[in-house]
Structures are given as structure tokens and as C-alpha cells.
Amino acid sequence: MYYGEPEGTGFEALDPSFNRLLTGHGRVERLWTGARWAEGPAWFGGGRYLIFSDIPNNRMMRFDECSGHMAVFRQPSNNSNGNTNDGQGRLVTCEHLGRRVTRTEHDGSITILADRYNGMRLNSPNDVVVKSDGSIWFTDPTYGIMFDYEGKKSESEIGACNVYRIDGTTGDVRVVADDFVKPNGLAFSPDESILYIADTGISHDPKGPKHIRAFKVNADGKSLGASKVFADCTAGLFDGFRVDKDGRIWTSAGDGVHCYTPGGDLIGKIKIPELVANVCFGGPVRNRLFICGCTSLYSAYLSING
């Protein structure tokens, strides 16, 4: 299933160094369309397939890279949002409607990893990343409980939008950051010394933040130290993002995908003709960037690896 290179796509180099990250003849491809709000792509190399969420349609989709076939992976999905995989290749999912983080076991059964903090229900877990020590880090804004569209309208029991860490051994849930308006996408640097976290507070407050913050990971590997604003979004807002092997950040934005150096310089864009929610590196050598637009799944081959 291949929809070609749609009008309005392409690469925009803001610095000559961006051109070295491209293949030269590669193009942006639209692989599929038909979502209401595509989000949370996760690549599974063993099967060469991509899982992503279609939040309002309450389903998860599965794209087979070998055949190009798209199919429903799970429906209903509890309005799933962010997805990733752990060190054992299991799917880890944030659910708006379930207000929880779950893991899909190899036999298809579902394990609840976190649904409460200090006895109170979580808001609506949004995005998630697994650290090399097996711990699970996730953001918990209120997007899934604000309306009956991506979840169920409800009151926040916690009264805050935090970032949490689940211990991979004990399952203990702890707050690692509590000074966000709407914490959203997150990813570690290649050496896991930095945790990048987006704040999309501007989505419902014109004066809210629209940036990515960079947190120093403390020596214990379990807590966060000082932070700084890594980059402010120049088009719309940042949502989900990934880091390549050299530490560059490839992040969603209002006009496509923005590429930043580890120092925070915007060097190029992948132009997409709709809002982009999230991205994910995939393919056998992880040189294919999968891009979740509002309604469609796109991809672009690059000369670097995720």
C-alpha cells in the first residue's frame, strides 16, 4: 500500500549539515491514510512491523513493512496513545481511557504497570520510554480526561500533570518531575545521561510553554537533576520525538518534523502537509523515519540511524 509522494512534502535544509543526513534521492512517502489522530509509533524489528495508535478511533494499527499492508492490531484500545517496546520486545502502551500504562505480553495478555499514584488514579498517560535498566518513564497530562474524544471527560484526582518512573524490578511508581503544564513526548540521549521532555502547555493556554526541556539524569539513574530549555518550537508545538545514534533530536511540529543538533540548533525540516504528532525510527537498520501525521502514516529514508 503506497500513496506516493504527496504535494507539500520534502526536505528543507536550514544548515548545510542537514543535507548530509539525507540519502540524496530519497523522498517522503505517504504509506497509508485513514486515521483521525495517529500517534505513538513503535517499531518491532523481529517482525518488521510498526504499531501506532489512532486515538479518537479507539484502535491501534499495524503496518507490515514487508508487504506494505495495514491492519487493525487492537480495537478497542482504551484510546491508546504512546507506545514503545521494552528490552524483551514487549509492547508498552499509554492508555487514555484506561488511565494506565500497560504491557502486552508475548502471549497477548495485558499486564497493568501503573494506574495509580498514592492511591489516586492517573490522569491519562501520554508517552512512554523504557530505560536500559528496565525502568519505564512516562508523562501524564490531562488530554485524555478533558473531553469525550480521546478518552472520557473526568476530573483529575492527582491535580497535577507529572512525569513518572516505574521501577522495572519492584514496580514502584515515583514522580521524577512535577513542574510541567502538559508533559508530553520524552526520550533519553544515547548514553541516557539526559532525559528530554516536551511541554505542550500552549495547546490550551496561549501563554503556555511549547518547548523541550533537557534534564540531567542523576548518578543513581532513578532521578532527575537540573534542567534547561533545549528548544522552543517555531511552528505549532512539539509533541513526540526520537533521538538518533549521534544525539540529534527528530521531533514532531506543526509543519512536519524538525531536526535539532545535540546543542539545540534547528538544522532542517521534513515538510509534511498536516500536523505531525510523533515519529519513530524503524527498518532493519533503523534508517527509516516513520512519521505519524494527523490522518496519515508517512516515512522517509535517511543516511543516519535511530
C-alpha atoms as a PDB file:
ATOM      1  CA  MET A   1       0.000   0.000   0.000  1.00  0.00           C
ATOM      2  CA  TYR A   2       1.832   3.106  -1.216  1.00  0.00           C
ATOM      3  CA  TYR A   3       0.268   6.514  -1.752  1.00  0.00           C
ATOM      4  CA  GLY A   4       3.307   8.168  -3.336  1.00  0.00           C
ATOM      5  CA  GLU A   5       4.923  11.487  -2.532  1.00  0.00           C
ATOM      6  CA  PRO A   6       2.104  13.908  -1.688  1.00  0.00           C
ATOM      7  CA  GLU A   7       2.187  17.586  -2.528  1.00  0.00           C
ATOM      8  CA  GLY A   8       3.657  19.683   0.256  1.00  0.00           C
ATOM      9  CA  THR A   9       6.253  17.158   1.393  1.00  0.00           C
ATOM     10  CA  GLY A  10      10.008  17.403   1.092  1.00  0.00           C
ATOM     11  CA  PHE A  11      13.216  18.341   2.884  1.00  0.00           C
ATOM     12  CA  GLU A  12      14.244  21.822   3.944  1.00  0.00           C
ATOM     13  CA  ALA A  13      17.868  22.360   4.953  1.00  0.00           C
ATOM     14  CA  LEU A  14      18.350  25.278   7.329  1.00  0.00           C
ATOM     15  CA  ASP A  15      22.023  24.412   7.696  1.00  0.00           C
ATOM     16  CA  PRO A  16      24.296  22.594   5.181  1.00  0.00           C
ATOM     17  CA  SER A  17      24.943  19.855   7.740  1.00  0.00           C
ATOM     18  CA  PHE A  18      21.328  18.666   7.347  1.00  0.00           C
ATOM     19  CA  ASN A  19      21.962  17.600   3.750  1.00  0.00           C
ATOM     20  CA  ARG A  20      24.470  15.025   4.981  1.00  0.00           C
ATOM     21  CA  LEU A  21      21.658  13.299   6.892  1.00  0.00           C
ATOM     22  CA  LEU A  22      19.691  12.677   3.679  1.00  0.00           C
ATOM     23  CA  THR A  23      20.132   9.988   1.022  1.00  0.00           C
ATOM     24  CA  GLY A  24      20.047  12.471  -1.855  1.00  0.00           C
ATOM     25  CA  HIS A  25      17.378  10.765  -3.935  1.00  0.00           C
ATOM     26  CA  GLY A  26      15.081   9.675  -1.079  1.00  0.00           C
ATOM     27  CA  ARG A  27      11.606  11.163  -0.848  1.00  0.00           C
ATOM     28  CA  VAL A  28       8.819  11.426   1.707  1.00  0.00           C
ATOM     29  CA  GLU A  29       6.247   8.692   1.163  1.00  0.00           C
ATOM     30  CA  ARG A  30       2.664   8.545   2.344  1.00  0.00           C
ATOM     31  CA  LEU A  31       2.168   4.902   3.317  1.00  0.00           C
ATOM     32  CA  TRP A  32      -1.441   4.990   4.475  1.00  0.00           C
ATOM     33  CA  THR A  33      -4.250   7.387   5.311  1.00  0.00           C
ATOM     34  CA  GLY A  34      -7.481   6.979   7.269  1.00  0.00           C
ATOM     35  CA  ALA A  35      -6.749   7.949  10.876  1.00  0.00           C
ATOM     36  CA  ARG A  36      -8.311  10.713  12.950  1.00  0.00           C
ATOM     37  CA  TRP A  37      -5.229  11.352  15.122  1.00  0.00           C
ATOM     38  CA  ALA A  38      -2.293   8.996  14.548  1.00  0.00           C
ATOM     39  CA  GLU A  39       0.141   8.804  17.452  1.00  0.00           C
ATOM     40  CA  GLY A  40       2.652   6.713  19.355  1.00  0.00           C
ATOM     41  CA  PRO A  41       4.587   4.728  16.703  1.00  0.00           C
ATOM     42  CA  ALA A  42       6.745   1.845  17.931  1.00  0.00           C
ATOM     43  CA  TRP A  43       8.944  -0.379  15.752  1.00  0.00           C
ATOM     44  CA  PHE A  44       9.265  -4.148  16.267  1.00  0.00           C
ATOM     45  CA  GLY A  45      12.335  -5.329  14.389  1.00  0.00           C
ATOM     46  CA  GLY A  46      11.772  -9.050  14.897  1.00  0.00           C
ATOM     47  CA  GLY A  47       8.588  -8.915  12.830  1.00  0.00           C
ATOM     48  CA  ARG A  48       9.457  -5.834  10.749  1.00  0.00           C
ATOM     49  CA  TYR A  49       6.235  -4.081  11.656  1.00  0.00           C
ATOM     50  CA  LEU A  50       5.147  -0.792  13.183  1.00  0.00           C
ATOM     51  CA  ILE A  51       2.434  -0.348  15.808  1.00  0.00           C
ATOM     52  CA  PHE A  52       0.782   3.038  16.269  1.00  0.00           C
ATOM     53  CA  SER A  53      -2.358   4.465  17.857  1.00  0.00           C
ATOM     54  CA  ASP A  54      -5.386   6.106  16.232  1.00  0.00           C
ATOM     55  CA  ILE A  55      -6.621   7.691  19.445  1.00  0.00           C
ATOM     56  CA  PRO A  56     -10.146   9.001  18.630  1.00  0.00           C
ATOM     57  CA  ASN A  57     -10.963   5.833  16.668  1.00  0.00           C
ATOM     58  CA  ASN A  58     -10.034   3.811  19.756  1.00  0.00           C
ATOM     59  CA  ARG A  59      -7.758   1.456  17.875  1.00  0.00           C
ATOM     60  CA  MET A  60      -4.137   0.505  17.311  1.00  0.00           C
ATOM     61  CA  MET A  61      -2.856  -0.088  13.792  1.00  0.00           C
ATOM     62  CA  ARG A  62      -0.143  -2.426  12.486  1.00  0.00           C
ATOM     63  CA  PHE A  63       1.914  -1.617   9.386  1.00  0.00           C
ATOM     64  CA  ASP A  64       3.807  -4.562   7.868  1.00  0.00           C
ATOM     65  CA  GLU A  65       6.957  -3.262   6.216  1.00  0.00           C
ATOM     66  CA  CYS A  66       7.475  -6.391   4.135  1.00  0.00           C
ATOM     67  CA  SER A  67       4.050  -6.384   2.478  1.00  0.00           C
ATOM     68  CA  GLY A  68       3.037  -2.746   2.919  1.00  0.00           C
ATOM     69  CA  HIS A  69      -0.217  -3.998   4.430  1.00  0.00           C
ATOM     70  CA  MET A  70      -2.044  -2.024   7.127  1.00  0.00           C
ATOM     71  CA  ALA A  71      -4.410  -3.754   9.554  1.00  0.00           C
ATOM     72  CA  VAL A  72      -6.089  -3.135  12.885  1.00  0.00           C
ATOM     73  CA  PHE A  73      -3.892  -4.513  15.652  1.00  0.00           C
ATOM     74  CA  ARG A  74      -6.271  -3.912  18.573  1.00  0.00           C
ATOM     75  CA  GLN A  75      -9.770  -2.441  18.872  1.00  0.00           C
ATOM     76  CA  PRO A  76     -10.915  -1.187  21.280  1.00  0.00           C
ATOM     77  CA  SER A  77      -7.584   0.050  22.557  1.00  0.00           C
ATOM     78  CA  ASN A  78      -8.718   2.139  25.555  1.00  0.00           C
ATOM     79  CA  ASN A  79      -7.845   5.204  23.431  1.00  0.00           C
ATOM     80  CA  SER A  80      -4.180   4.251  23.476  1.00  0.00           C
ATOM     81  CA  ASN A  81      -1.624   6.972  22.829  1.00  0.00           C
ATOM     82  CA  GLY A  82       2.137   6.483  23.246  1.00  0.00           C
ATOM     83  CA  ASN A  83       3.786   3.114  22.612  1.00  0.00           C
ATOM     84  CA  THR A  84       7.270   1.670  22.918  1.00  0.00           C
ATOM     85  CA  ASN A  85       8.888  -1.700  23.478  1.00  0.00           C
ATOM     86  CA  ASP A  86      10.972  -2.998  26.352  1.00  0.00           C
ATOM     87  CA  GLY A  87      14.182  -4.997  26.422  1.00  0.00           C
ATOM     88  CA  GLN A  88      12.272  -8.217  25.846  1.00  0.00           C
ATOM     89  CA  GLY A  89      10.424  -6.909  22.799  1.00  0.00           C
ATOM     90  CA  ARG A  90       7.093  -6.467  24.583  1.00  0.00           C
ATOM     91  CA  LEU A  91       4.712  -3.639  23.727  1.00  0.00           C
ATOM     92  CA  VAL A  92       4.341  -0.941  26.406  1.00  0.00           C
ATOM     93  CA  THR A  93       1.333   1.342  25.956  1.00  0.00           C
ATOM     94  CA  CYS A  94      -0.160   4.504  27.467  1.00  0.00           C
ATOM     95  CA  GLU A  95      -3.959   4.388  27.640  1.00  0.00           C
ATOM     96  CA  HIS A  96      -6.160   7.467  27.941  1.00  0.00           C
ATOM     97  CA  LEU A  97      -9.429   5.683  28.664  1.00  0.00           C
ATOM     98  CA  GLY A  98      -7.856   3.142  30.999  1.00  0.00           C
ATOM     99  CA  ARG A  99      -5.795   5.915  32.619  1.00  0.00           C
ATOM    100  CA  ARG A 100      -2.926   3.474  32.873  1.00  0.00           C
ATOM    101  CA  VAL A 101       0.334   2.152  31.433  1.00  0.00           C
ATOM    102  CA  THR A 102       0.186  -1.459  30.272  1.00  0.00           C
ATOM    103  CA  ARG A 103       2.452  -4.121  28.829  1.00  0.00           C
ATOM    104  CA  THR A 104       1.336  -6.642  26.227  1.00  0.00           C
ATOM    105  CA  GLU A 105       2.966  -9.987  26.981  1.00  0.00           C
ATOM    106  CA  HIS A 106       4.221 -12.383  24.299  1.00  0.00           C
ATOM    107  CA  ASP A 107       1.064 -14.471  24.705  1.00  0.00           C
ATOM    108  CA  GLY A 108      -1.158 -11.434  24.125  1.00  0.00           C
ATOM    109  CA  SER A 109      -2.242 -10.973  27.734  1.00  0.00           C
ATOM    110  CA  ILE A 110      -2.074  -7.469  29.206  1.00  0.00           C
ATOM    111  CA  THR A 111      -0.286  -6.526  32.424  1.00  0.00           C
ATOM    112  CA  ILE A 112      -1.075  -3.252  34.205  1.00  0.00           C
ATOM    113  CA  LEU A 113       2.197  -1.498  35.059  1.00  0.00           C
ATOM    114  CA  ALA A 114       0.713   1.639  36.628  1.00  0.00           C
ATOM    115  CA  ASP A 115      -2.759   3.099  37.018  1.00  0.00           C
ATOM    116  CA  ARG A 116      -2.476   4.984  40.305  1.00  0.00           C
ATOM    117  CA  TYR A 117      -0.116   7.162  42.285  1.00  0.00           C
ATOM    118  CA  ASN A 118      -0.531   7.326  46.069  1.00  0.00           C
ATOM    119  CA  GLY A 119      -3.954   5.696  45.675  1.00  0.00           C
ATOM    120  CA  MET A 120      -5.187   8.274  43.140  1.00  0.00           C
ATOM    121  CA  ARG A 121      -5.945   7.447  39.516  1.00  0.00           C
ATOM    122  CA  LEU A 122      -3.534   8.765  36.934  1.00  0.00           C
ATOM    123  CA  ASN A 123      -4.797  11.442  34.523  1.00  0.00           C
ATOM    124  CA  SER A 124      -4.234   9.949  31.053  1.00  0.00           C
ATOM    125  CA  PRO A 125      -0.716   8.609  30.413  1.00  0.00           C
ATOM    126  CA  ASN A 126       0.554  10.069  27.160  1.00  0.00           C
ATOM    127  CA  ASP A 127       4.014   8.941  26.112  1.00  0.00           C
ATOM    128  CA  VAL A 128       6.490   6.391  27.427  1.00  0.00           C
ATOM    129  CA  VAL A 129      10.125   5.314  27.141  1.00  0.00           C
ATOM    130  CA  VAL A 130      11.983   2.329  28.606  1.00  0.00           C
ATOM    131  CA  LYS A 131      15.484   2.847  30.007  1.00  0.00           C
ATOM    132  CA  SER A 132      18.213   0.215  29.662  1.00  0.00           C
ATOM    133  CA  ASP A 133      17.808  -0.754  33.345  1.00  0.00           C
ATOM    134  CA  GLY A 134      14.222  -1.834  32.606  1.00  0.00           C
ATOM    135  CA  SER A 135      12.565   1.174  34.248  1.00  0.00           C
ATOM    136  CA  ILE A 136       9.593   2.782  32.463  1.00  0.00           C
ATOM    137  CA  TRP A 137       9.311   6.578  32.320  1.00  0.00           C
ATOM    138  CA  PHE A 138       6.041   8.211  31.244  1.00  0.00           C
ATOM    139  CA  THR A 139       4.229  11.536  31.073  1.00  0.00           C
ATOM    140  CA  ASP A 140       0.739  12.104  32.451  1.00  0.00           C
ATOM    141  CA  PRO A 141      -1.057  15.235  31.192  1.00  0.00           C
ATOM    142  CA  THR A 142      -4.844  15.612  31.197  1.00  0.00           C
ATOM    143  CA  TYR A 143      -5.568  15.414  27.463  1.00  0.00           C
ATOM    144  CA  GLY A 144      -7.489  12.150  27.772  1.00  0.00           C
ATOM    145  CA  ILE A 145      -9.818  13.414  30.508  1.00  0.00           C
ATOM    146  CA  MET A 146     -10.527  16.895  29.149  1.00  0.00           C
ATOM    147  CA  PHE A 147     -13.120  15.772  26.556  1.00  0.00           C
ATOM    148  CA  ASP A 148     -15.076  12.717  25.469  1.00  0.00           C
ATOM    149  CA  TYR A 149     -12.998  12.432  22.297  1.00  0.00           C
ATOM    150  CA  GLU A 150      -9.639  10.869  23.169  1.00  0.00           C
ATOM    151  CA  GLY A 151     -10.864   9.288  26.383  1.00  0.00           C
ATOM    152  CA  LYS A 152     -13.549  10.112  28.950  1.00  0.00           C
ATOM    153  CA  LYS A 153     -14.146  13.526  30.457  1.00  0.00           C
ATOM    154  CA  SER A 154     -13.246  13.317  34.144  1.00  0.00           C
ATOM    155  CA  GLU A 155     -11.716  15.264  36.976  1.00  0.00           C
ATOM    156  CA  SER A 156      -8.035  14.885  37.754  1.00  0.00           C
ATOM    157  CA  GLU A 157      -7.645  13.049  41.053  1.00  0.00           C
ATOM    158  CA  ILE A 158      -3.973  13.964  41.353  1.00  0.00           C
ATOM    159  CA  GLY A 159      -4.500  17.619  40.479  1.00  0.00           C
ATOM    160  CA  ALA A 160      -1.194  17.897  38.623  1.00  0.00           C
ATOM    161  CA  CYS A 161       0.474  16.772  35.404  1.00  0.00           C
ATOM    162  CA  ASN A 162       3.626  14.892  36.334  1.00  0.00           C
ATOM    163  CA  VAL A 163       6.342  12.739  34.848  1.00  0.00           C
ATOM    164  CA  TYR A 164       6.753   9.314  36.499  1.00  0.00           C
ATOM    165  CA  ARG A 165       9.216   6.440  36.719  1.00  0.00           C
ATOM    166  CA  ILE A 166       8.146   2.819  37.221  1.00  0.00           C
ATOM    167  CA  ASP A 167      10.860   0.653  38.746  1.00  0.00           C
ATOM    168  CA  GLY A 168      11.497  -2.266  36.427  1.00  0.00           C
ATOM    169  CA  THR A 169      12.049  -4.677  39.330  1.00  0.00           C
ATOM    170  CA  THR A 170       9.672  -3.601  42.094  1.00  0.00           C
ATOM    171  CA  GLY A 171       7.002  -1.803  40.069  1.00  0.00           C
ATOM    172  CA  ASP A 172       7.240   1.169  42.419  1.00  0.00           C
ATOM    173  CA  VAL A 173       5.870   4.389  40.864  1.00  0.00           C
ATOM    174  CA  ARG A 174       7.607   7.664  41.694  1.00  0.00           C
ATOM    175  CA  VAL A 175       7.316  11.267  40.450  1.00  0.00           C
ATOM    176  CA  VAL A 176      10.504  12.421  38.726  1.00  0.00           C
ATOM    177  CA  ALA A 177       9.276  15.850  37.558  1.00  0.00           C
ATOM    178  CA  ASP A 178       6.335  17.894  38.835  1.00  0.00           C
ATOM    179  CA  ASP A 179       6.784  21.358  37.289  1.00  0.00           C
ATOM    180  CA  PHE A 180       5.153  20.832  33.886  1.00  0.00           C
ATOM    181  CA  VAL A 181       1.964  22.304  32.451  1.00  0.00           C
ATOM    182  CA  LYS A 182       1.359  19.470  29.955  1.00  0.00           C
ATOM    183  CA  PRO A 183       4.263  16.990  29.833  1.00  0.00           C
ATOM    184  CA  ASN A 184       4.202  15.136  26.547  1.00  0.00           C
ATOM    185  CA  GLY A 185       6.864  13.362  24.464  1.00  0.00           C
ATOM    186  CA  LEU A 186      10.075  12.152  26.069  1.00  0.00           C
ATOM    187  CA  ALA A 187      13.299  10.396  25.086  1.00  0.00           C
ATOM    188  CA  PHE A 188      16.744   9.687  26.512  1.00  0.00           C
ATOM    189  CA  SER A 189      20.009  10.746  24.930  1.00  0.00           C
ATOM    190  CA  PRO A 190      22.031   7.806  23.533  1.00  0.00           C
ATOM    191  CA  ASP A 191      24.088   7.474  26.735  1.00  0.00           C
ATOM    192  CA  GLU A 192      20.984   8.056  28.908  1.00  0.00           C
ATOM    193  CA  SER A 193      22.662  10.970  30.702  1.00  0.00           C
ATOM    194  CA  ILE A 194      19.905  13.364  29.546  1.00  0.00           C
ATOM    195  CA  LEU A 195      16.133  12.963  29.506  1.00  0.00           C
ATOM    196  CA  TYR A 196      14.362  15.257  27.060  1.00  0.00           C
ATOM    197  CA  ILE A 197      10.704  16.076  27.838  1.00  0.00           C
ATOM    198  CA  ALA A 198       8.305  18.209  25.802  1.00  0.00           C
ATOM    199  CA  ASP A 199       5.835  20.588  27.441  1.00  0.00           C
ATOM    200  CA  THR A 200       2.802  21.358  25.262  1.00  0.00           C
ATOM    201  CA  GLY A 201       1.049  23.682  27.681  1.00  0.00           C
ATOM    202  CA  ILE A 202       0.347  26.137  24.852  1.00  0.00           C
ATOM    203  CA  SER A 203      -2.244  23.691  23.459  1.00  0.00           C
ATOM    204  CA  HIS A 204      -4.881  25.076  25.839  1.00  0.00           C
ATOM    205  CA  ASP A 205      -3.178  28.231  27.129  1.00  0.00           C
ATOM    206  CA  PRO A 206      -1.899  30.872  24.677  1.00  0.00           C
ATOM    207  CA  LYS A 207       0.801  31.779  27.197  1.00  0.00           C
ATOM    208  CA  GLY A 208       1.760  28.177  27.904  1.00  0.00           C
ATOM    209  CA  PRO A 209       5.078  26.548  27.014  1.00  0.00           C
ATOM    210  CA  LYS A 210       5.877  24.977  23.646  1.00  0.00           C
ATOM    211  CA  HIS A 211       9.348  23.687  24.261  1.00  0.00           C
ATOM    212  CA  ILE A 212      11.528  20.665  25.011  1.00  0.00           C
ATOM    213  CA  ARG A 213      13.462  20.640  28.265  1.00  0.00           C
ATOM    214  CA  ALA A 214      16.686  18.720  28.832  1.00  0.00           C
ATOM    215  CA  PHE A 215      17.096  17.148  32.277  1.00  0.00           C
ATOM    216  CA  LYS A 216      20.341  15.812  33.668  1.00  0.00           C
ATOM    217  CA  VAL A 217      19.854  12.224  34.871  1.00  0.00           C
ATOM    218  CA  ASN A 218      21.373  11.872  38.318  1.00  0.00           C
ATOM    219  CA  ALA A 219      24.090   9.324  39.090  1.00  0.00           C
ATOM    220  CA  ASP A 220      21.541   6.966  40.674  1.00  0.00           C
ATOM    221  CA  GLY A 221      19.851   6.628  37.275  1.00  0.00           C
ATOM    222  CA  LYS A 222      16.485   6.962  39.003  1.00  0.00           C
ATOM    223  CA  SER A 223      16.014  10.694  39.464  1.00  0.00           C
ATOM    224  CA  LEU A 224      16.430  13.920  37.540  1.00  0.00           C
ATOM    225  CA  GLY A 225      18.620  16.893  38.304  1.00  0.00           C
ATOM    226  CA  ALA A 226      18.786  20.364  36.853  1.00  0.00           C
ATOM    227  CA  SER A 227      17.017  21.164  33.595  1.00  0.00           C
ATOM    228  CA  LYS A 228      17.157  23.769  30.867  1.00  0.00           C
ATOM    229  CA  VAL A 229      15.034  24.644  27.861  1.00  0.00           C
ATOM    230  CA  PHE A 230      16.564  22.748  24.953  1.00  0.00           C
ATOM    231  CA  ALA A 231      14.495  24.325  22.167  1.00  0.00           C
ATOM    232  CA  ASP A 232      11.314  26.338  21.601  1.00  0.00           C
ATOM    233  CA  CYS A 233       9.057  25.240  18.766  1.00  0.00           C
ATOM    234  CA  THR A 234       8.996  27.603  15.794  1.00  0.00           C
ATOM    235  CA  ALA A 235       5.889  26.074  14.171  1.00  0.00           C
ATOM    236  CA  GLY A 236       2.995  24.888  16.304  1.00  0.00           C
ATOM    237  CA  LEU A 237       4.251  22.765  19.163  1.00  0.00           C
ATOM    238  CA  PHE A 238       6.463  19.780  19.839  1.00  0.00           C
ATOM    239  CA  ASP A 239       4.722  16.507  20.657  1.00  0.00           C
ATOM    240  CA  GLY A 240       6.539  13.186  20.299  1.00  0.00           C
ATOM    241  CA  PHE A 241      10.163  12.808  19.213  1.00  0.00           C
ATOM    242  CA  ARG A 242      13.104  10.412  18.906  1.00  0.00           C
ATOM    243  CA  VAL A 243      16.880  10.700  19.174  1.00  0.00           C
ATOM    244  CA  ASP A 244      19.281   9.280  16.579  1.00  0.00           C
ATOM    245  CA  LYS A 245      22.525   7.481  17.431  1.00  0.00           C
ATOM    246  CA  ASP A 246      24.505  10.733  17.219  1.00  0.00           C
ATOM    247  CA  GLY A 247      22.207  12.541  19.645  1.00  0.00           C
ATOM    248  CA  ARG A 248      20.192  14.636  17.210  1.00  0.00           C
ATOM    249  CA  ILE A 249      16.518  15.107  18.067  1.00  0.00           C
ATOM    250  CA  TRP A 250      13.883  14.478  15.374  1.00  0.00           C
ATOM    251  CA  THR A 251      10.675  15.986  16.688  1.00  0.00           C
ATOM    252  CA  SER A 252       7.112  16.492  15.531  1.00  0.00           C
ATOM    253  CA  ALA A 253       5.921  20.039  14.870  1.00  0.00           C
ATOM    254  CA  GLY A 254       3.117  21.938  13.195  1.00  0.00           C
ATOM    255  CA  ASP A 255       4.697  21.839   9.725  1.00  0.00           C
ATOM    256  CA  GLY A 256       6.375  18.452   9.799  1.00  0.00           C
ATOM    257  CA  VAL A 257       9.471  17.078  11.525  1.00  0.00           C
ATOM    258  CA  HIS A 258      12.213  19.331  12.905  1.00  0.00           C
ATOM    259  CA  CYS A 259      15.809  18.150  13.341  1.00  0.00           C
ATOM    260  CA  TYR A 260      17.948  19.601  16.144  1.00  0.00           C
ATOM    261  CA  THR A 261      21.608  19.094  16.937  1.00  0.00           C
ATOM    262  CA  PRO A 262      22.523  17.946  20.476  1.00  0.00           C
ATOM    263  CA  GLY A 263      23.369  21.598  21.116  1.00  0.00           C
ATOM    264  CA  GLY A 264      19.804  22.718  20.340  1.00  0.00           C
ATOM    265  CA  ASP A 265      20.305  24.167  16.842  1.00  0.00           C
ATOM    266  CA  LEU A 266      17.494  23.662  14.305  1.00  0.00           C
ATOM    267  CA  ILE A 267      19.250  22.468  11.127  1.00  0.00           C
ATOM    268  CA  GLY A 268      16.449  21.117   8.947  1.00  0.00           C
ATOM    269  CA  LYS A 269      12.878  20.008   8.447  1.00  0.00           C
ATOM    270  CA  ILE A 270      10.934  17.227   6.808  1.00  0.00           C
ATOM    271  CA  LYS A 271       7.878  19.009   5.452  1.00  0.00           C
ATOM    272  CA  ILE A 272       4.529  17.245   5.925  1.00  0.00           C
ATOM    273  CA  PRO A 273       1.186  18.748   4.732  1.00  0.00           C
ATOM    274  CA  GLU A 274      -0.545  18.183   8.086  1.00  0.00           C
ATOM    275  CA  LEU A 275       0.233  18.374  11.785  1.00  0.00           C
ATOM    276  CA  VAL A 276       2.706  15.754  12.941  1.00  0.00           C
ATOM    277  CA  ALA A 277       2.168  14.057  16.295  1.00  0.00           C
ATOM    278  CA  ASN A 278       5.075  11.643  16.639  1.00  0.00           C
ATOM    279  CA  VAL A 279       7.909   9.835  14.887  1.00  0.00           C
ATOM    280  CA  CYS A 280       9.847   6.585  15.212  1.00  0.00           C
ATOM    281  CA  PHE A 281      12.973   5.083  13.635  1.00  0.00           C
ATOM    282  CA  GLY A 282      12.471   1.686  12.039  1.00  0.00           C
ATOM    283  CA  GLY A 283      13.535  -0.652   9.276  1.00  0.00           C
ATOM    284  CA  PRO A 284      16.170  -3.400   9.552  1.00  0.00           C
ATOM    285  CA  VAL A 285      18.939  -0.876  10.334  1.00  0.00           C
ATOM    286  CA  ARG A 286      16.679   1.866  11.754  1.00  0.00           C
ATOM    287  CA  ASN A 287      17.386   4.334   8.959  1.00  0.00           C
ATOM    288  CA  ARG A 288      13.721   4.807   8.076  1.00  0.00           C
ATOM    289  CA  LEU A 289      11.843   7.526   9.952  1.00  0.00           C
ATOM    290  CA  PHE A 290       8.141   6.736  10.331  1.00  0.00           C
ATOM    291  CA  ILE A 291       6.008   9.862  10.768  1.00  0.00           C
ATOM    292  CA  CYS A 292       2.515  10.000  12.259  1.00  0.00           C
ATOM    293  CA  GLY A 293       0.558  12.904  10.798  1.00  0.00           C
ATOM    294  CA  CYS A 294      -2.997  13.651  11.889  1.00  0.00           C
ATOM    295  CA  THR A 295      -4.610  11.337   9.371  1.00  0.00           C
ATOM    296  CA  SER A 296      -1.747   9.521   7.678  1.00  0.00           C
ATOM    297  CA  LEU A 297       1.424   7.493   8.123  1.00  0.00           C
ATOM    298  CA  TYR A 298       4.481   8.763   6.246  1.00  0.00           C
ATOM    299  CA  SER A 299       8.098   7.657   6.058  1.00  0.00           C
ATOM    300  CA  ALA A 300      11.460   8.893   4.828  1.00  0.00           C
ATOM    301  CA  TYR A 301      14.763   7.045   4.465  1.00  0.00           C
ATOM    302  CA  LEU A 302      17.751   8.879   5.955  1.00  0.00           C
ATOM    303  CA  SER A 303      21.515   8.424   5.826  1.00  0.00           C
ATOM    304  CA  ILE A 304      21.717   8.087   9.615  1.00  0.00           C
ATOM    305  CA  ASN A 305      20.352   5.560  12.085  1.00  0.00           C
ATOM    306  CA  GLY A 306      17.996   5.835  15.008  1.00  0.00           C
END
